[in-house]
Amino acid sequence: MGKYITVLGGLVCIILGVCGILIWKWHFIALLKGCVPPVLVLGGLAAFFAGLSEIKDASQAKKEEAKDSKEKK
């Protein structure tokens, strides 16, 4: 029974959300305009640090591989 209540509550929230967006359309658009730049900055920072981490890992793996090949000789 609880699953059906959850689904019904979700549908009610979707309907209320769509009605709210339609009623306050311009406020919603202003909110989106205000959210896009910070999301781009945070996404760019995440991509930047992920790339740095990947470069660091690749460099470290190359060093370990060279060290292992020297030890085998």
Protein backbone atom coordinates (compact mmCIF):
# COMPACT_ATOMS: atom_id res chain seq x y z
CA MET A 1 0.00 0.00 0.00
CA GLY A 2 2.90 2.35 0.80
CA LYS A 3 4.29 2.08 -2.73
CA TYR A 4 1.02 3.30 -4.21
CA ILE A 5 0.93 6.25 -1.84
CA THR A 6 4.46 7.15 -2.90
CA VAL A 7 3.53 6.99 -6.58
CA LEU A 8 0.39 9.04 -5.97
CA GLY A 9 2.36 11.62 -3.97
CA GLY A 10 4.90 11.82 -6.79
CA LEU A 11 2.18 12.45 -9.36
CA VAL A 12 0.64 15.17 -7.19
CA CYS A 13 4.04 16.84 -6.84
CA ILE A 14 4.61 16.69 -10.61
CA ILE A 15 1.21 18.25 -11.29
CA LEU A 16 1.75 21.00 -8.70
CA GLY A 17 5.25 21.65 -10.05
CA VAL A 18 4.06 22.01 -13.63
CA CYS A 19 1.22 24.30 -12.52
CA GLY A 20 3.70 26.39 -10.55
CA ILE A 21 6.03 26.68 -13.52
CA LEU A 22 3.14 27.75 -15.75
CA ILE A 23 1.84 30.30 -13.25
CA TRP A 24 5.24 31.77 -12.34
CA LYS A 25 6.85 31.23 -15.74
CA TRP A 26 8.96 34.42 -15.74
CA HIS A 27 10.16 33.89 -12.18
CA PHE A 28 11.17 30.35 -13.13
CA ILE A 29 13.06 31.62 -16.18
CA ALA A 30 14.84 34.22 -14.03
CA LEU A 31 15.80 31.46 -11.60
CA LEU A 32 17.22 29.38 -14.43
CA LYS A 33 19.17 32.36 -15.74
CA GLY A 34 20.62 32.85 -12.29
CA CYS A 35 21.50 29.17 -11.85
CA VAL A 36 23.25 28.55 -15.17
CA PRO A 37 26.49 30.49 -14.52
CA PRO A 38 27.22 28.90 -11.10
CA VAL A 39 26.45 25.44 -12.51
CA LEU A 40 28.86 26.08 -15.39
CA VAL A 41 31.58 27.25 -12.98
CA LEU A 42 31.13 24.26 -10.66
CA GLY A 43 30.98 21.84 -13.60
CA GLY A 44 34.11 23.38 -15.08
CA LEU A 45 35.93 23.09 -11.76
CA ALA A 46 34.91 19.45 -11.44
CA ALA A 47 36.12 18.70 -14.98
CA PHE A 48 39.37 20.60 -14.37
CA PHE A 49 40.22 18.72 -11.19
CA ALA A 50 39.16 15.38 -12.71
CA GLY A 51 41.51 16.05 -15.64
CA LEU A 52 44.38 16.99 -13.34
CA SER A 53 43.81 13.84 -11.31
CA GLU A 54 43.81 11.73 -14.47
CA ILE A 55 47.06 13.31 -15.68
CA LYS A 56 48.64 12.75 -12.26
CA ASP A 57 47.53 9.11 -12.19
CA ALA A 58 48.84 8.48 -15.70
CA SER A 59 52.18 10.07 -14.83
CA GLN A 60 52.48 8.01 -11.65
CA ALA A 61 51.57 4.79 -13.52
CA LYS A 62 54.22 5.55 -16.15
CA LYS A 63 56.85 6.08 -13.42
CA GLU A 64 55.91 2.82 -11.69
CA GLU A 65 56.01 0.96 -14.99
CA ALA A 66 59.48 2.32 -15.73
CA LYS A 67 60.61 1.37 -12.22
CA ASP A 68 59.24 -2.17 -12.60
CA SER A 69 60.92 -2.63 -15.99
CA LYS A 70 64.27 -1.51 -14.52
CA GLU A 71 63.91 -3.96 -11.63
CA LYS A 72 63.24 -6.86 -14.01
CA LYS A 73 66.48 -6.21 -15.91
